[in-house]
Amino acid sequence: MADEAVKYRLVAILGLGLLGGSMAKALRARGLCDGIIGWSPRESTREEALKLKLVDATVDSPEQAVAEADLVVAATPVSHIVKLIGAISKSTTNGTIVTDVGSTKRSITEAGDKHLPGRFVGSHPMAGGEKSGLAASRADLFQNAPCIITPTDATERSSSERIEKLWTDLGCRVTRMGPLEHDRLMADVSHLPHAIAAAVVAMQEERALTIAGSGFRDTTRVAAGDPQLWRDIFIDNRDAACRSIDRCVAWLRDFRTALQAGDGQKIETMLAAAAKRRAGM
């Protein structure tokens, strides 16, 4: 596609938390739309978004939000996105493109192909942090962040191209892959590390936490994430997450066996292999 940015007439953002709020700020900062209409299930959040001038208007329902939009972004927790797609399907026009920011993709793209065939493109911008909510949003959240889009056989080429260009215009480095591959890889590089970070924090004695240094804080940073949001992610991707956990447990068992046996060479070999892979990132 051409390098010139694609500008949208009206963008509807469903969900005004960290990602939805940051999307509104980034769209405005980069001049990628003429107007933004927002919806959040919480009236207080809608009022705050208006107060901060992140959106031009808010409405009481997702159906109202998407009625005149040419781009819709579902930015709610994973468990709600599937329901949202079904709810808005009859309220969008045939020219409306719909995407999302969910951390899992299989169930979401299945709903998109069912209710919005050709016009839905799954997206996963890998941006954010342990802080959540509208107050944590920022215009540069997506700058240089990886973003995975997951078009399917049902997705129209023009739709996937426009969504890829959207994320590129927002500053992301975009990769395409299938929904199942996405969920399998995310279980390894995102969901498993969160579970491990939570475990490392949970097993500590209180006194140990008082002397923990920066290495411990860096290693466990993601454990401070929103528990409800992460609950939904784990449940939706539980099969792949369980396989990732099993592989990690197998590695730890091998490490423990070597450690118990005092096998320094084996321990060094395992650590060196991991260090080499980390250095190559």
Foldseek 3Di string as FASTA:
>chain_A
DDLDAAAWAEEEEEAQKQVSLLLLLQCVVLVRYNFYEYEYCDPVQQVVCVVVVSGPYYDNDLLVRQQPTQEYEYEDFPVCLLVSLQVNLVRHDLNHAYEYAYQAFDSNVVSCCVRPFQRYKYKHFPFDFQDMTNVNYHNLRRAATEMEIADDPRHHPVNVVNVVSSSVSSHYDYDYDHRVVSLLVCLQPPLLLLVVLLVVVVPDDPVVVVPDDPVNCVSNRRVSHDPVSSVSSCVVSVVSNVVNVVVVVVLVVVLVVCVVVVVPVVNVVVVVVVVVVVVVD
